[in-house]
Protein backbone atom coordinates (compact mmCIF):
# COMPACT_ATOMS: atom_id res chain seq x y z
CA UNK A 1 -67.28 168.69 42.87
CA UNK A 2 -63.61 169.57 43.40
CA UNK A 3 -62.76 172.76 45.24
CA UNK A 4 -60.53 175.19 43.37
CA UNK A 5 -56.93 175.56 44.42
CA UNK A 6 -55.98 179.15 45.13
CA UNK A 7 -52.56 180.76 45.28
CA UNK A 8 -53.41 183.79 47.40
CA UNK A 9 -56.93 183.22 48.71
CA UNK A 10 -56.62 181.51 52.05
CA UNK A 11 -58.90 179.51 54.34
CA UNK A 12 -61.26 178.81 51.44
CA UNK A 13 -63.78 175.98 51.51
CA UNK A 14 -67.14 174.86 50.27
CA UNK A 15 -69.53 174.74 53.21
CA UNK A 16 -71.87 172.16 51.66
CA UNK A 17 -72.00 168.41 51.38
CA UNK A 18 -73.25 167.72 54.92
CA UNK A 19 -76.34 165.76 55.97
CA UNK A 20 -79.04 168.25 56.90
CA UNK A 21 -82.74 168.55 57.72
CA UNK A 22 -85.32 165.87 56.86
CA UNK A 23 -82.71 163.41 55.67
CA UNK A 24 -81.61 165.78 52.91
CA UNK A 25 -78.07 166.94 52.19
CA UNK A 26 -76.69 170.43 51.84
CA UNK A 27 -75.75 171.13 48.25
CA UNK A 28 -72.18 171.93 47.38
CA UNK A 29 -71.40 174.99 45.30
CA UNK A 30 -74.00 177.13 47.11
CA UNK A 31 -72.09 178.52 50.10
CA UNK A 32 -68.37 179.21 50.26
CA UNK A 33 -66.19 180.87 52.87
CA UNK A 34 -62.71 182.36 52.79
CA UNK A 35 -60.33 184.98 54.09
CA UNK A 36 -60.08 188.29 52.24
CA UNK A 37 -58.25 188.41 48.92
CA UNK A 38 -56.42 191.69 48.31
CA UNK A 39 -53.47 189.74 46.87
CA UNK A 40 -55.46 187.31 44.72
CA UNK A 41 -53.55 186.31 41.61
CA UNK A 42 -55.05 186.47 38.13
CA UNK A 43 -55.36 182.68 38.26
CA UNK A 44 -57.21 182.99 41.58
CA UNK A 45 -59.64 185.45 40.04
CA UNK A 46 -60.25 183.11 37.11
CA UNK A 47 -60.97 180.27 39.53
CA UNK A 48 -63.30 182.43 41.59
CA UNK A 49 -65.16 183.61 38.51
CA UNK A 50 -65.69 179.95 37.54
CA UNK A 51 -67.61 179.36 40.78
CA UNK A 52 -70.61 181.18 39.32
CA UNK A 53 -71.11 183.40 42.33
CA UNK A 54 -74.25 185.50 42.67
CA UNK A 55 -73.18 187.35 45.81
CA UNK A 56 -70.10 188.08 47.91
CA UNK A 57 -70.77 189.04 51.53
CA UNK A 58 -67.84 191.05 52.90
CA UNK A 59 -68.11 191.23 56.68
CA UNK A 60 -65.16 193.57 57.13
CA UNK A 61 -65.43 197.11 58.44
CA UNK A 62 -64.91 200.04 56.04
CA UNK A 63 -61.33 200.75 57.17
CA UNK A 64 -60.44 197.08 56.74
CA UNK A 65 -61.77 197.20 53.20
CA UNK A 66 -59.93 200.44 52.48
CA UNK A 67 -56.66 199.02 53.80
CA UNK A 68 -56.98 195.73 51.91
CA UNK A 69 -59.32 196.20 48.93
CA UNK A 70 -60.53 193.05 47.22
CA UNK A 71 -59.24 192.29 43.75
CA UNK A 72 -61.88 191.77 41.03
CA UNK A 73 -61.75 190.17 37.62
CA UNK A 74 -62.42 192.02 34.40
CA UNK A 75 -66.16 192.31 33.81
CA UNK A 76 -66.95 191.63 37.49
CA UNK A 77 -70.73 191.77 37.96
CA UNK A 78 -71.31 189.88 41.22
CA UNK A 79 -73.43 191.58 43.86
CA UNK A 80 -71.24 192.64 46.80
CA UNK A 81 -72.83 192.94 50.24
CA UNK A 82 -70.92 195.22 52.59
CA UNK A 83 -71.64 197.74 55.32
CA UNK A 84 -70.93 201.48 55.39
CA UNK A 85 -69.85 201.17 59.01
CA UNK A 86 -71.06 202.45 62.32
CA UNK A 87 -67.72 203.47 63.81
CA UNK A 88 -64.08 203.92 62.91
CA UNK A 89 -62.94 200.51 64.10
CA UNK A 90 -60.26 199.23 61.76
CA UNK A 91 -59.09 195.95 63.27
CA UNK A 92 -60.58 192.48 62.79
CA UNK A 93 -61.46 190.46 65.92
CA UNK A 94 -58.26 188.43 66.02
CA UNK A 95 -56.14 191.60 66.19
CA UNK A 96 -58.47 193.30 68.65
CA UNK A 97 -57.73 190.32 70.91
CA UNK A 98 -54.09 191.32 71.01
CA UNK A 99 -54.97 194.91 71.86
CA UNK A 100 -57.08 193.74 74.78
CA UNK A 101 -54.80 191.03 76.13
CA UNK A 102 -52.54 189.10 73.86
CA UNK A 103 -49.19 188.64 75.53
CA UNK A 104 -49.85 184.99 76.42
CA UNK A 105 -51.95 182.14 75.12
CA UNK A 106 -54.43 182.18 78.02
CA UNK A 107 -54.84 185.95 77.72
CA UNK A 108 -55.42 185.75 73.97
CA UNK A 109 -57.87 182.89 74.47
CA UNK A 110 -59.85 184.83 77.09
CA UNK A 111 -59.91 187.94 74.89
CA UNK A 112 -61.19 186.06 71.83
CA UNK A 113 -63.83 184.31 73.90
CA UNK A 114 -65.08 187.69 75.08
CA UNK A 115 -65.03 189.09 71.54
CA UNK A 116 -67.22 186.21 70.33
CA UNK A 117 -69.57 186.74 73.27
CA UNK A 118 -69.98 190.38 72.20
CA UNK A 119 -70.36 189.69 68.49
CA UNK A 120 -74.14 188.94 68.58
CA UNK A 121 -74.75 192.42 70.01
CA UNK A 122 -72.54 194.33 67.54
CA UNK A 123 -74.96 196.39 65.38
CA UNK A 124 -72.79 196.16 62.28
CA UNK A 125 -72.35 192.39 62.58
CA UNK A 126 -76.09 192.01 63.05
CA UNK A 127 -76.83 194.08 59.94
CA UNK A 128 -74.39 192.00 57.92
CA UNK A 129 -75.86 188.73 59.20
CA UNK A 130 -79.32 189.92 58.14
CA UNK A 131 -77.96 190.77 54.69
CA UNK A 132 -76.12 187.44 54.57
CA UNK A 133 -79.32 185.46 55.12
CA UNK A 134 -81.17 187.63 52.62
CA UNK A 135 -78.46 186.85 50.06
CA UNK A 136 -78.78 183.12 50.78
CA UNK A 137 -82.53 183.35 50.16
CA UNK A 138 -82.27 185.41 46.97
CA UNK A 139 -79.10 184.40 45.13
CA UNK A 140 -79.41 182.24 42.03
CA UNK A 141 -75.80 181.05 42.20
CA UNK A 142 -73.29 180.56 44.96
CA UNK A 143 -72.65 182.91 47.87
CA UNK A 144 -69.16 183.59 49.22
CA UNK A 145 -68.89 185.03 52.73
CA UNK A 146 -65.59 186.34 54.05
CA UNK A 147 -64.04 188.72 56.54
CA UNK A 148 -60.30 189.32 57.07
CA UNK A 149 -59.02 185.95 58.26
CA UNK A 150 -62.21 184.13 57.30
CA UNK A 151 -62.55 182.50 60.70
CA UNK A 152 -64.36 184.61 63.32
CA UNK A 153 -67.17 186.73 61.84
CA UNK A 154 -67.31 184.35 58.88
CA UNK A 155 -67.29 181.38 61.24
CA UNK A 156 -70.30 182.65 63.13
CA UNK A 157 -72.21 183.40 59.92
CA UNK A 158 -71.60 179.95 58.43
CA UNK A 159 -72.38 178.18 61.71
CA UNK A 160 -75.76 179.94 61.85
CA UNK A 161 -76.47 179.01 58.23
CA UNK A 162 -75.62 175.39 59.00
CA UNK A 163 -77.94 175.47 62.01
CA UNK A 164 -80.81 176.89 59.97
CA UNK A 165 -80.35 174.15 57.38
CA UNK A 166 -80.33 171.40 60.00
CA UNK A 167 -76.67 170.47 59.64
CA UNK A 168 -75.64 168.46 62.70
CA UNK A 169 -73.54 170.09 65.39
CA UNK A 170 -70.55 167.82 64.78
CA UNK A 171 -70.42 168.78 61.09
CA UNK A 172 -71.00 172.44 61.91
CA UNK A 173 -68.05 172.39 64.29
CA UNK A 174 -65.88 170.45 61.85
CA UNK A 175 -66.39 173.15 59.23
CA UNK A 176 -65.65 175.88 61.77
CA UNK A 177 -62.53 174.16 63.13
CA UNK A 178 -61.17 173.41 59.64
CA UNK A 179 -59.45 176.80 59.85
CA UNK A 180 -56.91 175.06 62.08
CA UNK A 181 -55.98 172.74 59.20
CA UNK A 182 -55.27 175.61 56.85
CA UNK A 183 -51.72 176.20 55.69
CA UNK A 184 -51.72 179.61 57.37
CA UNK A 185 -52.65 178.38 60.81
CA UNK A 186 -50.44 175.31 60.69
CA UNK A 187 -47.26 176.64 59.15
CA UNK A 188 -47.29 180.41 59.51
CA UNK A 189 -44.08 182.07 60.62
CA UNK A 190 -45.22 183.87 63.76
CA UNK A 191 -42.06 185.99 64.05
CA UNK A 192 -43.22 189.01 62.00
CA UNK A 193 -46.62 189.05 63.69
CA UNK A 194 -45.06 188.78 67.14
CA UNK A 195 -42.76 191.67 66.31
CA UNK A 196 -45.64 193.79 64.97
CA UNK A 197 -47.92 193.05 67.90
CA UNK A 198 -45.14 193.63 70.42
CA UNK A 199 -44.34 197.10 69.11
CA UNK A 200 -45.73 198.61 72.31
CA UNK A 201 -43.04 196.90 74.32
CA UNK A 202 -45.12 193.90 75.43
CA UNK A 203 -43.64 190.52 74.59
CA UNK A 204 -46.13 188.42 72.62
CA UNK A 205 -45.73 184.68 73.01
CA UNK A 206 -45.67 182.06 70.28
CA UNK A 207 -48.69 180.44 71.94
CA UNK A 208 -50.66 183.70 71.81
CA UNK A 209 -50.09 184.03 68.08
CA UNK A 210 -51.13 180.42 67.46
CA UNK A 211 -54.33 180.97 69.44
CA UNK A 212 -55.16 184.06 67.43
CA UNK A 213 -54.41 182.43 64.08
CA UNK A 214 -56.76 179.54 64.82
CA UNK A 215 -60.21 178.90 66.23
CA UNK A 216 -61.47 176.91 69.21
CA UNK A 217 -64.88 175.45 69.96
CA UNK A 218 -65.38 177.57 73.12
CA UNK A 219 -65.13 180.72 71.01
CA UNK A 220 -68.15 179.77 68.91
CA UNK A 221 -70.03 178.53 71.95
CA UNK A 222 -69.52 181.93 73.60
CA UNK A 223 -71.37 183.55 70.68
CA UNK A 224 -74.10 180.91 70.88
CA UNK A 225 -74.56 181.55 74.62
CA UNK A 226 -75.17 185.23 73.97
CA UNK A 227 -77.66 184.45 71.21
CA UNK A 228 -79.50 182.02 73.49
CA UNK A 229 -79.53 184.56 76.32
CA UNK A 230 -81.07 187.15 74.00
CA UNK A 231 -83.69 185.03 72.21
CA UNK A 232 -83.87 181.72 74.06
CA UNK A 233 -82.28 179.61 71.32
CA UNK A 234 -80.33 179.84 68.08
CA UNK A 235 -83.57 179.51 66.13
CA UNK A 236 -85.02 182.29 68.24
CA UNK A 237 -82.02 184.49 67.48
CA UNK A 238 -82.23 183.80 63.74
CA UNK A 239 -85.94 184.54 63.60
CA UNK A 240 -86.02 187.22 66.28
CA UNK A 241 -82.95 189.43 66.44
CA UNK A 242 -81.97 188.73 62.81
CA UNK A 243 -85.56 188.76 61.58
CA UNK A 244 -85.16 185.87 59.14
CA UNK A 245 -88.74 185.16 58.07
CA UNK A 246 -90.38 181.80 57.49
CA UNK A 247 -90.43 182.62 53.77
CA UNK A 248 -86.70 183.32 53.79
CA UNK A 249 -85.99 180.10 55.68
CA UNK A 250 -88.02 178.20 53.13
CA UNK A 251 -86.21 179.84 50.23
CA UNK A 252 -82.81 179.12 51.78
CA UNK A 253 -83.68 175.47 52.33
CA UNK A 254 -85.09 175.13 48.82
CA UNK A 255 -81.92 176.59 47.31
CA UNK A 256 -79.38 174.86 49.48
CA UNK A 257 -80.77 171.41 50.26
CA UNK A 258 -80.90 168.55 47.78
CA UNK A 259 -84.34 167.24 46.90
């Protein structure tokens, strides 16, 4: 199954195709991930419609959605999972990192690591993860999960789905780190972002911007450490804090693993 080529939908990929539990393989065409798509072209919308999606899980906060509303095709009838919000936070994690400490690469890296460590205790993220797993259990067609850049909140959600399905750690990490191979992360002109982020008079380095545009394994592991601290293991976090039931796990595996 070939992945569609998009003009203005970035960091898109099919999350299936990997070896998984019990010698089975994760089906392709069941779970996709991407960045947001406020500038999606008409051709992009046609390609997205052809995916046969049953649900789109939008992990952005309300002010993010209001600032960059998703484009939809004519006759759009896909279920959209989103959250009404618990606060007025408007920035995605990668930009919050700059607000905390983003002048240099090491500062940006430390800030993002801390943000990931806090993510498993964010009430809104937890609600969205619960809804994400419910969508995976219930949807007849594919599920697309996205946030703003499609790398941090989305990365955690997909990594947990891979874990539940028994995808090996190396493949889980490869899917997560594939953000770094995207055109945006590899070739982006950092000048405008450095200028925007340095508007408070703090010089923002090229290295800091590159760190924020990409992902690193320690970021994801920071989230996993928090989950393990809370519930003893990733499985404990999925079943405990997120409340994914045995019936839901079974439905997810039945839908997403080849026979």
